[in-house]
Amino acid sequence: MSMLMTFSIKRCRSGKYFVLVWLYLVLCLQFSIMKAEADGFTDPGDTANRFYQNTREGWFWYEDPPQVIEEQQVKPGKSQPPRTIPNLDNYSIDELWNMYPDDFQSLLNSVQKNAVQYPTENNILQYLAIQDVARRKALAYTHATMYVTQKYSNLFSVNQVYPTAEPGITARVTMQQNEIDQTISRAMDDHALLFFTRAGCGFCEKQAQILAYFREKYGWQIKTVDISQNTSAAARFNITITPTLLLIEKGQEEYMTVTTGVIALTELERKLYRAIRYLRGATKNDNFLMYDFQKGSALDPTSILNQGKQPWTIAK
């Protein structure tokens, strides 16, 4: 069985349209050839070689053209006003002496820079002169400060509670130790220490020997807690390091860590003394290190809030 296929070609009714299309195609082809010559692809074989050498790019690869950096035209800047060169001839010694410190410092810097830039004899003399005024002014302030602190030593001096002379240091250390001993001894009945250890802790063994001297001296009750066996106690007091010493007070939920790790007996006494006073409310975080005999002195930070009168009004 055969099928008869027929083809028919219809003539364009108007030939002028065909001519216009043909001319358009010729012009496009000519434009493409001219562009290829301008780009350096005058030979069709060269175009084929370029395709095979850049197979990753393909025919439709597009790259941004290289960026052309335009040279910025530098606009002529405004002319700066001439710098004013300082001259001490315009100031008297009294004016320099009573000048506000910021203004004096600015003038001194300017005179110094001028002397460095132009190290003439006169410029250097001016700098040395104003520097001498600054030295004398600082010396006058030092003298005046020493006078005021000596006259009102009860307000600003710490020497009465923290002496620096050797006999005073001995007396201060004795007073501190007596206060520590008395505070720890009086707290024996309503306070106790929890000593947290764990099996195989060599540091715990050394600290236990120190605690034996402490128990013999003060008679305190010390309970040893092995956190490897009593995990609930460790969780309750958040103990993760051994050895750890914890201070508790009878009938109170609040407690305080005394120390972690191995600590000497003297340091243990100081830390325990501070913890006892803190739990009792005798101290707060802002005067935690203060001893009782220093209360109300210059070493008591908050005592100034209780004076009621401004210190500078005393001299009026």
C-alpha atoms as a PDB file:
ATOM      1  CA  MET A   1       0.000   0.000   0.000  1.00  0.00           C
ATOM      2  CA  SER A   2       1.459   3.288  -0.952  1.00  0.00           C
ATOM      3  CA  MET A   3       0.641   6.723   0.057  1.00  0.00           C
ATOM      4  CA  LEU A   4       0.824   9.610  -2.284  1.00  0.00           C
ATOM      5  CA  MET A   5       2.395  12.672  -0.721  1.00  0.00           C
ATOM      6  CA  THR A   6       2.013  15.928  -2.528  1.00  0.00           C
ATOM      7  CA  PHE A   7       3.740  19.154  -1.912  1.00  0.00           C
ATOM      8  CA  SER A   8       2.610  22.508  -3.050  1.00  0.00           C
ATOM      9  CA  ILE A   9       4.521  25.717  -3.173  1.00  0.00           C
ATOM     10  CA  LYS A  10       2.579  28.878  -3.152  1.00  0.00           C
ATOM     11  CA  ARG A  11       4.094  31.915  -4.687  1.00  0.00           C
ATOM     12  CA  CYS A  12       4.347  34.948  -2.530  1.00  0.00           C
ATOM     13  CA  ARG A  13       1.765  37.386  -3.569  1.00  0.00           C
ATOM     14  CA  SER A  14       4.150  40.280  -3.236  1.00  0.00           C
ATOM     15  CA  GLY A  15       7.844  39.899  -4.102  1.00  0.00           C
ATOM     16  CA  LYS A  16       8.914  43.084  -2.419  1.00  0.00           C
ATOM     17  CA  TYR A  17       8.556  41.524   1.048  1.00  0.00           C
ATOM     18  CA  PHE A  18      10.861  38.695   0.087  1.00  0.00           C
ATOM     19  CA  VAL A  19      13.511  41.153  -1.104  1.00  0.00           C
ATOM     20  CA  LEU A  20      13.334  43.083   2.161  1.00  0.00           C
ATOM     21  CA  VAL A  21      13.784  39.944   4.256  1.00  0.00           C
ATOM     22  CA  TRP A  22      16.721  38.863   2.126  1.00  0.00           C
ATOM     23  CA  LEU A  23      18.411  42.250   2.501  1.00  0.00           C
ATOM     24  CA  TYR A  24      17.921  42.127   6.306  1.00  0.00           C
ATOM     25  CA  LEU A  25      19.605  38.719   6.544  1.00  0.00           C
ATOM     26  CA  VAL A  26      22.553  39.897   4.425  1.00  0.00           C
ATOM     27  CA  LEU A  27      23.049  42.952   6.606  1.00  0.00           C
ATOM     28  CA  CYS A  28      22.973  40.854   9.799  1.00  0.00           C
ATOM     29  CA  LEU A  29      25.524  38.435   8.382  1.00  0.00           C
ATOM     30  CA  GLN A  30      27.809  41.261   7.326  1.00  0.00           C
ATOM     31  CA  PHE A  31      27.541  42.871  10.748  1.00  0.00           C
ATOM     32  CA  SER A  32      28.491  39.573  12.437  1.00  0.00           C
ATOM     33  CA  ILE A  33      31.548  39.206  10.194  1.00  0.00           C
ATOM     34  CA  MET A  34      32.697  42.748  10.969  1.00  0.00           C
ATOM     35  CA  LYS A  35      32.291  42.173  14.711  1.00  0.00           C
ATOM     36  CA  ALA A  36      34.248  38.923  14.536  1.00  0.00           C
ATOM     37  CA  GLU A  37      37.089  40.702  12.737  1.00  0.00           C
ATOM     38  CA  ALA A  38      37.089  43.417  15.361  1.00  0.00           C
ATOM     39  CA  ASP A  39      37.346  40.773  18.109  1.00  0.00           C
ATOM     40  CA  GLY A  40      40.214  38.993  16.420  1.00  0.00           C
ATOM     41  CA  PHE A  41      38.246  36.043  14.984  1.00  0.00           C
ATOM     42  CA  THR A  42      38.840  36.659  11.271  1.00  0.00           C
ATOM     43  CA  ASP A  43      39.365  33.020  10.489  1.00  0.00           C
ATOM     44  CA  PRO A  44      36.423  30.594  10.966  1.00  0.00           C
ATOM     45  CA  GLY A  45      38.923  27.885  11.865  1.00  0.00           C
ATOM     46  CA  ASP A  46      40.201  30.123  14.642  1.00  0.00           C
ATOM     47  CA  THR A  47      36.674  30.277  16.058  1.00  0.00           C
ATOM     48  CA  ALA A  48      36.417  26.489  15.999  1.00  0.00           C
ATOM     49  CA  ASN A  49      39.776  26.152  17.777  1.00  0.00           C
ATOM     50  CA  ARG A  50      38.628  28.595  20.431  1.00  0.00           C
ATOM     51  CA  PHE A  51      35.517  26.475  21.021  1.00  0.00           C
ATOM     52  CA  TYR A  52      37.483  23.264  21.512  1.00  0.00           C
ATOM     53  CA  GLN A  53      40.017  24.951  23.796  1.00  0.00           C
ATOM     54  CA  ASN A  54      37.257  26.280  26.046  1.00  0.00           C
ATOM     55  CA  THR A  55      34.835  23.373  26.115  1.00  0.00           C
ATOM     56  CA  ARG A  56      33.764  24.230  29.683  1.00  0.00           C
ATOM     57  CA  GLU A  57      32.445  27.578  28.515  1.00  0.00           C
ATOM     58  CA  GLY A  58      30.428  26.475  25.481  1.00  0.00           C
ATOM     59  CA  TRP A  59      28.857  28.653  22.871  1.00  0.00           C
ATOM     60  CA  PHE A  60      26.614  30.598  25.219  1.00  0.00           C
ATOM     61  CA  TRP A  61      29.255  31.438  27.866  1.00  0.00           C
ATOM     62  CA  TYR A  62      29.028  34.975  29.192  1.00  0.00           C
ATOM     63  CA  GLU A  63      31.614  36.908  31.130  1.00  0.00           C
ATOM     64  CA  ASP A  64      31.368  40.362  32.550  1.00  0.00           C
ATOM     65  CA  PRO A  65      33.635  42.704  30.690  1.00  0.00           C
ATOM     66  CA  PRO A  66      36.724  43.810  32.613  1.00  0.00           C
ATOM     67  CA  GLN A  67      35.945  46.644  34.901  1.00  0.00           C
ATOM     68  CA  VAL A  68      37.312  49.924  33.776  1.00  0.00           C
ATOM     69  CA  ILE A  69      38.532  51.975  36.693  1.00  0.00           C
ATOM     70  CA  GLU A  70      37.984  55.564  35.983  1.00  0.00           C
ATOM     71  CA  GLU A  71      40.605  57.879  37.234  1.00  0.00           C
ATOM     72  CA  GLN A  72      39.125  60.141  39.815  1.00  0.00           C
ATOM     73  CA  GLN A  73      39.903  63.703  39.346  1.00  0.00           C
ATOM     74  CA  VAL A  74      41.371  65.139  42.485  1.00  0.00           C
ATOM     75  CA  LYS A  75      39.577  68.285  43.310  1.00  0.00           C
ATOM     76  CA  PRO A  76      41.788  71.018  44.555  1.00  0.00           C
ATOM     77  CA  GLY A  77      41.307  71.220  48.337  1.00  0.00           C
ATOM     78  CA  LYS A  78      40.529  74.320  50.203  1.00  0.00           C
ATOM     79  CA  SER A  79      43.562  76.134  51.350  1.00  0.00           C
ATOM     80  CA  GLN A  80      44.013  75.753  55.090  1.00  0.00           C
ATOM     81  CA  PRO A  81      44.377  78.873  57.142  1.00  0.00           C
ATOM     82  CA  PRO A  82      47.895  79.576  58.301  1.00  0.00           C
ATOM     83  CA  ARG A  83      48.761  77.947  61.621  1.00  0.00           C
ATOM     84  CA  THR A  84      48.897  80.296  64.578  1.00  0.00           C
ATOM     85  CA  ILE A  85      52.317  80.098  66.167  1.00  0.00           C
ATOM     86  CA  PRO A  86      52.086  80.561  69.951  1.00  0.00           C
ATOM     87  CA  ASN A  87      54.140  83.255  71.553  1.00  0.00           C
ATOM     88  CA  LEU A  88      54.572  83.474  75.331  1.00  0.00           C
ATOM     89  CA  ASP A  89      55.199  87.196  75.031  1.00  0.00           C
ATOM     90  CA  ASN A  90      51.403  87.546  75.009  1.00  0.00           C
ATOM     91  CA  TYR A  91      51.075  85.997  78.492  1.00  0.00           C
ATOM     92  CA  SER A  92      52.288  87.111  81.880  1.00  0.00           C
ATOM     93  CA  ILE A  93      53.526  84.684  84.529  1.00  0.00           C
ATOM     94  CA  ASP A  94      50.398  85.375  86.581  1.00  0.00           C
ATOM     95  CA  GLU A  95      48.193  84.497  83.615  1.00  0.00           C
ATOM     96  CA  LEU A  96      50.073  81.265  83.026  1.00  0.00           C
ATOM     97  CA  TRP A  97      49.920  80.386  86.730  1.00  0.00           C
ATOM     98  CA  ASN A  98      46.169  80.906  87.006  1.00  0.00           C
ATOM     99  CA  MET A  99      45.249  79.505  83.593  1.00  0.00           C
ATOM    100  CA  TYR A 100      42.714  76.680  83.448  1.00  0.00           C
ATOM    101  CA  PRO A 101      44.597  73.346  83.258  1.00  0.00           C
ATOM    102  CA  ASP A 102      43.127  72.298  79.898  1.00  0.00           C
ATOM    103  CA  ASP A 103      44.004  75.650  78.326  1.00  0.00           C
ATOM    104  CA  PHE A 104      47.459  75.562  79.900  1.00  0.00           C
ATOM    105  CA  GLN A 105      48.088  72.032  78.582  1.00  0.00           C
ATOM    106  CA  SER A 106      47.012  73.043  75.090  1.00  0.00           C
ATOM    107  CA  LEU A 107      49.315  76.056  75.146  1.00  0.00           C
ATOM    108  CA  LEU A 108      52.211  73.967  76.470  1.00  0.00           C
ATOM    109  CA  ASN A 109      51.758  71.403  73.681  1.00  0.00           C
ATOM    110  CA  SER A 110      51.703  74.102  71.042  1.00  0.00           C
ATOM    111  CA  VAL A 111      54.856  75.729  72.407  1.00  0.00           C
ATOM    112  CA  GLN A 112      56.596  72.359  72.522  1.00  0.00           C
ATOM    113  CA  LYS A 113      55.657  71.474  68.926  1.00  0.00           C
ATOM    114  CA  ASN A 114      56.796  74.876  67.738  1.00  0.00           C
ATOM    115  CA  ALA A 115      60.140  74.376  69.483  1.00  0.00           C
ATOM    116  CA  VAL A 116      60.550  70.946  67.896  1.00  0.00           C
ATOM    117  CA  GLN A 117      59.678  72.238  64.432  1.00  0.00           C
ATOM    118  CA  TYR A 118      61.829  75.337  64.723  1.00  0.00           C
ATOM    119  CA  PRO A 119      64.461  74.662  67.417  1.00  0.00           C
ATOM    120  CA  THR A 120      65.661  78.204  67.734  1.00  0.00           C
ATOM    121  CA  GLU A 121      67.091  79.535  70.961  1.00  0.00           C
ATOM    122  CA  ASN A 122      64.034  81.658  71.683  1.00  0.00           C
ATOM    123  CA  ASN A 123      61.533  78.849  70.969  1.00  0.00           C
ATOM    124  CA  ILE A 124      63.363  76.412  73.230  1.00  0.00           C
ATOM    125  CA  LEU A 125      63.585  79.011  75.991  1.00  0.00           C
ATOM    126  CA  GLN A 126      59.839  79.555  75.785  1.00  0.00           C
ATOM    127  CA  TYR A 127      59.178  75.833  76.040  1.00  0.00           C
ATOM    128  CA  LEU A 128      61.500  75.384  79.021  1.00  0.00           C
ATOM    129  CA  ALA A 129      59.911  78.379  80.721  1.00  0.00           C
ATOM    130  CA  ILE A 130      56.323  77.118  80.395  1.00  0.00           C
ATOM    131  CA  GLN A 131      57.467  73.635  81.391  1.00  0.00           C
ATOM    132  CA  ASP A 132      58.982  75.118  84.551  1.00  0.00           C
ATOM    133  CA  VAL A 133      55.668  76.818  85.323  1.00  0.00           C
ATOM    134  CA  ALA A 134      53.925  73.435  84.984  1.00  0.00           C
ATOM    135  CA  ARG A 135      56.458  71.792  87.317  1.00  0.00           C
ATOM    136  CA  ARG A 136      56.058  74.483  89.955  1.00  0.00           C
ATOM    137  CA  LYS A 137      52.260  74.296  89.714  1.00  0.00           C
ATOM    138  CA  ALA A 138      52.361  70.533  90.261  1.00  0.00           C
ATOM    139  CA  LEU A 139      54.709  71.010  93.203  1.00  0.00           C
ATOM    140  CA  ALA A 140      52.366  73.580  94.732  1.00  0.00           C
ATOM    141  CA  TYR A 141      49.472  71.145  94.409  1.00  0.00           C
ATOM    142  CA  THR A 142      51.508  68.425  96.137  1.00  0.00           C
ATOM    143  CA  HIS A 143      52.378  70.723  99.049  1.00  0.00           C
ATOM    144  CA  ALA A 144      48.770  71.835  99.430  1.00  0.00           C
ATOM    145  CA  THR A 145      47.503  68.251  99.332  1.00  0.00           C
ATOM    146  CA  MET A 146      49.931  67.143 102.027  1.00  0.00           C
ATOM    147  CA  TYR A 147      48.855  70.107 104.174  1.00  0.00           C
ATOM    148  CA  VAL A 148      45.153  69.280 103.864  1.00  0.00           C
ATOM    149  CA  THR A 149      45.587  65.545 104.493  1.00  0.00           C
ATOM    150  CA  GLN A 150      47.676  66.248 107.574  1.00  0.00           C
ATOM    151  CA  LYS A 151      45.277  68.873 108.929  1.00  0.00           C
ATOM    152  CA  TYR A 152      42.231  66.657 108.350  1.00  0.00           C
ATOM    153  CA  SER A 153      43.905  63.311 108.891  1.00  0.00           C
ATOM    154  CA  ASN A 154      40.836  62.013 110.691  1.00  0.00           C
ATOM    155  CA  LEU A 155      38.955  62.175 107.380  1.00  0.00           C
ATOM    156  CA  PHE A 156      41.434  60.929 104.801  1.00  0.00           C
ATOM    157  CA  SER A 157      44.291  59.114 106.524  1.00  0.00           C
ATOM    158  CA  VAL A 158      44.262  55.324 107.023  1.00  0.00           C
ATOM    159  CA  ASN A 159      47.324  55.372 109.227  1.00  0.00           C
ATOM    160  CA  GLN A 160      45.278  55.083 112.421  1.00  0.00           C
ATOM    161  CA  VAL A 161      43.909  51.679 111.354  1.00  0.00           C
ATOM    162  CA  TYR A 162      46.580  50.559 108.885  1.00  0.00           C
ATOM    163  CA  PRO A 163      49.947  51.882 110.087  1.00  0.00           C
ATOM    164  CA  THR A 164      53.092  51.439 107.999  1.00  0.00           C
ATOM    165  CA  ALA A 165      55.689  51.754 110.784  1.00  0.00           C
ATOM    166  CA  GLU A 166      57.054  48.487 112.154  1.00  0.00           C
ATOM    167  CA  PRO A 167      55.564  48.831 115.688  1.00  0.00           C
ATOM    168  CA  GLY A 168      52.212  49.791 114.197  1.00  0.00           C
ATOM    169  CA  ILE A 169      52.300  46.811 111.815  1.00  0.00           C
ATOM    170  CA  THR A 170      52.940  44.464 114.739  1.00  0.00           C
ATOM    171  CA  ALA A 171      50.031  45.956 116.672  1.00  0.00           C
ATOM    172  CA  ARG A 172      47.714  45.737 113.656  1.00  0.00           C
ATOM    173  CA  VAL A 173      48.536  42.072 112.998  1.00  0.00           C
ATOM    174  CA  THR A 174      47.973  41.267 116.692  1.00  0.00           C
ATOM    175  CA  MET A 175      44.591  43.022 116.700  1.00  0.00           C
ATOM    176  CA  GLN A 176      43.518  41.218 113.545  1.00  0.00           C
ATOM    177  CA  GLN A 177      44.518  37.799 114.887  1.00  0.00           C
ATOM    178  CA  ASN A 178      42.816  38.403 118.236  1.00  0.00           C
ATOM    179  CA  GLU A 179      39.601  39.367 116.478  1.00  0.00           C
ATOM    180  CA  ILE A 180      39.804  36.263 114.268  1.00  0.00           C
ATOM    181  CA  ASP A 181      40.386  33.937 117.215  1.00  0.00           C
ATOM    182  CA  GLN A 182      37.547  35.431 119.256  1.00  0.00           C
ATOM    183  CA  THR A 183      35.064  35.350 116.369  1.00  0.00           C
ATOM    184  CA  ILE A 184      35.823  31.705 115.503  1.00  0.00           C
ATOM    185  CA  SER A 185      35.717  30.600 119.137  1.00  0.00           C
ATOM    186  CA  ARG A 186      32.352  32.275 119.798  1.00  0.00           C
ATOM    187  CA  ALA A 187      30.832  30.739 116.660  1.00  0.00           C
ATOM    188  CA  MET A 188      31.680  27.169 117.668  1.00  0.00           C
ATOM    189  CA  ASP A 189      28.278  26.391 119.226  1.00  0.00           C
ATOM    190  CA  ASP A 190      26.040  27.437 116.330  1.00  0.00           C
ATOM    191  CA  HIS A 191      28.284  26.811 113.314  1.00  0.00           C
ATOM    192  CA  ALA A 192      29.897  23.751 111.761  1.00  0.00           C
ATOM    193  CA  LEU A 193      32.143  22.847 108.814  1.00  0.00           C
ATOM    194  CA  LEU A 194      31.352  20.346 106.076  1.00  0.00           C
ATOM    195  CA  PHE A 195      34.508  18.789 104.622  1.00  0.00           C
ATOM    196  CA  PHE A 196      33.837  17.327 101.169  1.00  0.00           C
ATOM    197  CA  THR A 197      36.288  14.682  99.953  1.00  0.00           C
ATOM    198  CA  ARG A 198      36.411  11.768  97.565  1.00  0.00           C
ATOM    199  CA  ALA A 199      38.200   8.434  97.484  1.00  0.00           C
ATOM    200  CA  GLY A 200      41.798   8.602  96.260  1.00  0.00           C
ATOM    201  CA  CYS A 201      42.079  12.389  96.735  1.00  0.00           C
ATOM    202  CA  GLY A 202      45.631  13.075  97.914  1.00  0.00           C
ATOM    203  CA  PHE A 203      44.900  16.761  98.489  1.00  0.00           C
ATOM    204  CA  CYS A 204      42.032  15.795 100.781  1.00  0.00           C
ATOM    205  CA  GLU A 205      44.419  13.847 102.988  1.00  0.00           C
ATOM    206  CA  LYS A 206      46.708  16.878 103.379  1.00  0.00           C
ATOM    207  CA  GLN A 207      43.797  19.183 104.127  1.00  0.00           C
ATOM    208  CA  ALA A 208      42.477  16.697 106.706  1.00  0.00           C
ATOM    209  CA  GLN A 209      45.768  16.982 108.599  1.00  0.00           C
ATOM    210  CA  ILE A 210      45.440  20.773 108.685  1.00  0.00           C
ATOM    211  CA  LEU A 211      41.843  20.476 109.863  1.00  0.00           C
ATOM    212  CA  ALA A 212      43.031  18.278 112.725  1.00  0.00           C
ATOM    213  CA  TYR A 213      45.111  21.206 114.035  1.00  0.00           C
ATOM    214  CA  PHE A 214      42.117  23.516 113.567  1.00  0.00           C
ATOM    215  CA  ARG A 215      39.801  21.164 115.522  1.00  0.00           C
ATOM    216  CA  GLU A 216      42.362  20.871 118.310  1.00  0.00           C
ATOM    217  CA  LYS A 217      42.711  24.687 118.552  1.00  0.00           C
ATOM    218  CA  TYR A 218      39.034  25.680 118.381  1.00  0.00           C
ATOM    219  CA  GLY A 219      37.079  22.499 119.133  1.00  0.00           C
ATOM    220  CA  TRP A 220      34.791  22.895 116.116  1.00  0.00           C
ATOM    221  CA  GLN A 221      32.561  20.165 114.752  1.00  0.00           C
ATOM    222  CA  ILE A 222      33.721  19.072 111.288  1.00  0.00           C
ATOM    223  CA  LYS A 223      31.720  16.546 109.294  1.00  0.00           C
ATOM    224  CA  THR A 224      33.463  14.703 106.456  1.00  0.00           C
ATOM    225  CA  VAL A 225      31.343  13.966 103.374  1.00  0.00           C
ATOM    226  CA  ASP A 226      32.582  11.611 100.635  1.00  0.00           C
ATOM    227  CA  ILE A 227      30.896  12.879  97.467  1.00  0.00           C
ATOM    228  CA  SER A 228      31.563   9.602  95.645  1.00  0.00           C
ATOM    229  CA  GLN A 229      29.266   7.859  98.137  1.00  0.00           C
ATOM    230  CA  ASN A 230      26.950  10.700  99.187  1.00  0.00           C
ATOM    231  CA  THR A 231      26.019  12.141  95.804  1.00  0.00           C
ATOM    232  CA  SER A 232      22.853  13.782  97.116  1.00  0.00           C
ATOM    233  CA  ALA A 233      24.857  16.029  99.472  1.00  0.00           C
ATOM    234  CA  ALA A 234      27.200  16.949  96.645  1.00  0.00           C
ATOM    235  CA  ALA A 235      24.249  17.857  94.436  1.00  0.00           C
ATOM    236  CA  ARG A 236      22.540  19.848  97.186  1.00  0.00           C
ATOM    237  CA  PHE A 237      25.569  22.075  97.816  1.00  0.00           C
ATOM    238  CA  ASN A 238      26.805  21.969  94.201  1.00  0.00           C
ATOM    239  CA  ILE A 239      30.164  20.432  95.119  1.00  0.00           C
ATOM    240  CA  THR A 240      32.331  19.336  92.181  1.00  0.00           C
ATOM    241  CA  ILE A 241      35.863  19.954  93.534  1.00  0.00           C
ATOM    242  CA  THR A 242      37.587  18.275  96.459  1.00  0.00           C
ATOM    243  CA  PRO A 243      38.671  19.164  99.005  1.00  0.00           C
ATOM    244  CA  THR A 244      36.004  21.790  99.710  1.00  0.00           C
ATOM    245  CA  LEU A 245      35.128  23.379 103.064  1.00  0.00           C
ATOM    246  CA  LEU A 246      31.606  24.687 103.593  1.00  0.00           C
ATOM    247  CA  LEU A 247      30.314  26.770 106.534  1.00  0.00           C
ATOM    248  CA  ILE A 248      26.781  26.147 107.747  1.00  0.00           C
ATOM    249  CA  GLU A 249      24.864  27.834 110.563  1.00  0.00           C
ATOM    250  CA  LYS A 250      22.436  26.094 112.887  1.00  0.00           C
ATOM    251  CA  GLY A 251      18.815  26.679 111.937  1.00  0.00           C
ATOM    252  CA  GLN A 252      19.718  28.603 108.758  1.00  0.00           C
ATOM    253  CA  GLU A 253      19.369  27.563 105.116  1.00  0.00           C
ATOM    254  CA  GLU A 254      22.105  29.908 103.965  1.00  0.00           C
ATOM    255  CA  TYR A 255      25.637  28.553 103.744  1.00  0.00           C
ATOM    256  CA  MET A 256      28.948  29.767 102.377  1.00  0.00           C
ATOM    257  CA  THR A 257      32.014  28.182 100.831  1.00  0.00           C
ATOM    258  CA  VAL A 258      35.119  28.770 102.914  1.00  0.00           C
ATOM    259  CA  THR A 259      37.742  27.384 100.557  1.00  0.00           C
ATOM    260  CA  THR A 260      38.492  24.834  97.860  1.00  0.00           C
ATOM    261  CA  GLY A 261      41.780  22.980  97.584  1.00  0.00           C
ATOM    262  CA  VAL A 262      44.534  22.750 100.172  1.00  0.00           C
ATOM    263  CA  ILE A 263      44.870  25.846 102.338  1.00  0.00           C
ATOM    264  CA  ALA A 264      47.134  26.751 105.257  1.00  0.00           C
ATOM    265  CA  LEU A 265      45.753  27.124 108.779  1.00  0.00           C
ATOM    266  CA  THR A 266      46.256  30.916 108.971  1.00  0.00           C
ATOM    267  CA  GLU A 267      44.488  31.485 105.669  1.00  0.00           C
ATOM    268  CA  LEU A 268      41.726  29.100 106.717  1.00  0.00           C
ATOM    269  CA  GLU A 269      41.173  31.156 109.872  1.00  0.00           C
ATOM    270  CA  ARG A 270      40.920  34.440 107.907  1.00  0.00           C
ATOM    271  CA  LYS A 271      38.474  33.045 105.353  1.00  0.00           C
ATOM    272  CA  LEU A 272      36.361  31.396 108.043  1.00  0.00           C
ATOM    273  CA  TYR A 273      36.298  34.637 110.046  1.00  0.00           C
ATOM    274  CA  ARG A 274      34.986  36.543 107.017  1.00  0.00           C
ATOM    275  CA  ALA A 275      32.395  33.869 106.240  1.00  0.00           C
ATOM    276  CA  ILE A 276      31.071  33.908 109.812  1.00  0.00           C
ATOM    277  CA  ARG A 277      30.713  37.689 109.825  1.00  0.00           C
ATOM    278  CA  TYR A 278      29.000  37.643 106.443  1.00  0.00           C
ATOM    279  CA  LEU A 279      26.428  35.022 107.460  1.00  0.00           C
ATOM    280  CA  ARG A 280      25.697  36.998 110.621  1.00  0.00           C
ATOM    281  CA  GLY A 281      25.116  40.175 108.601  1.00  0.00           C
ATOM    282  CA  ALA A 282      28.072  42.030 110.133  1.00  0.00           C
ATOM    283  CA  THR A 283      29.500  42.621 106.643  1.00  0.00           C
ATOM    284  CA  LYS A 284      28.233  42.798 103.070  1.00  0.00           C
ATOM    285  CA  ASN A 285      29.873  42.364  99.730  1.00  0.00           C
ATOM    286  CA  ASP A 286      31.113  45.983  99.696  1.00  0.00           C
ATOM    287  CA  ASN A 287      32.972  45.699 103.049  1.00  0.00           C
ATOM    288  CA  PHE A 288      33.644  41.961 103.104  1.00  0.00           C
ATOM    289  CA  LEU A 289      37.361  42.261 104.014  1.00  0.00           C
ATOM    290  CA  MET A 290      36.904  44.835 106.770  1.00  0.00           C
ATOM    291  CA  TYR A 291      37.768  43.966 110.362  1.00  0.00           C
ATOM    292  CA  ASP A 292      35.514  45.049 113.177  1.00  0.00           C
ATOM    293  CA  PHE A 293      38.071  47.493 114.648  1.00  0.00           C
ATOM    294  CA  GLN A 294      38.218  49.262 111.246  1.00  0.00           C
ATOM    295  CA  LYS A 295      34.521  50.070 111.271  1.00  0.00           C
ATOM    296  CA  GLY A 296      33.805  53.769 110.731  1.00  0.00           C
ATOM    297  CA  SER A 297      37.380  54.524 109.618  1.00  0.00           C
ATOM    298  CA  ALA A 298      38.777  55.408 106.211  1.00  0.00           C
ATOM    299  CA  LEU A 299      38.953  51.669 105.449  1.00  0.00           C
ATOM    300  CA  ASP A 300      35.187  51.370 105.868  1.00  0.00           C
ATOM    301  CA  PRO A 301      33.928  52.156 102.346  1.00  0.00           C
ATOM    302  CA  THR A 302      30.328  53.031 103.201  1.00  0.00           C
ATOM    303  CA  SER A 303      31.024  54.968 106.404  1.00  0.00           C
ATOM    304  CA  ILE A 304      31.187  58.173 104.372  1.00  0.00           C
ATOM    305  CA  LEU A 305      27.446  57.797 103.714  1.00  0.00           C
ATOM    306  CA  ASN A 306      26.741  58.232 107.420  1.00  0.00           C
ATOM    307  CA  GLN A 307      28.686  61.460 107.973  1.00  0.00           C
ATOM    308  CA  GLY A 308      25.788  63.656 106.954  1.00  0.00           C
ATOM    309  CA  LYS A 309      28.003  66.679 106.225  1.00  0.00           C
ATOM    310  CA  GLN A 310      30.174  67.259 103.205  1.00  0.00           C
ATOM    311  CA  PRO A 311      33.860  66.996 104.157  1.00  0.00           C
ATOM    312  CA  TRP A 312      34.784  70.129 102.192  1.00  0.00           C
ATOM    313  CA  THR A 313      32.447  72.313 104.258  1.00  0.00           C
ATOM    314  CA  ILE A 314      34.590  71.817 107.361  1.00  0.00           C
ATOM    315  CA  ALA A 315      37.215  74.258 106.139  1.00  0.00           C
ATOM    316  CA  LYS A 316      34.671  77.035 105.509  1.00  0.00           C
END
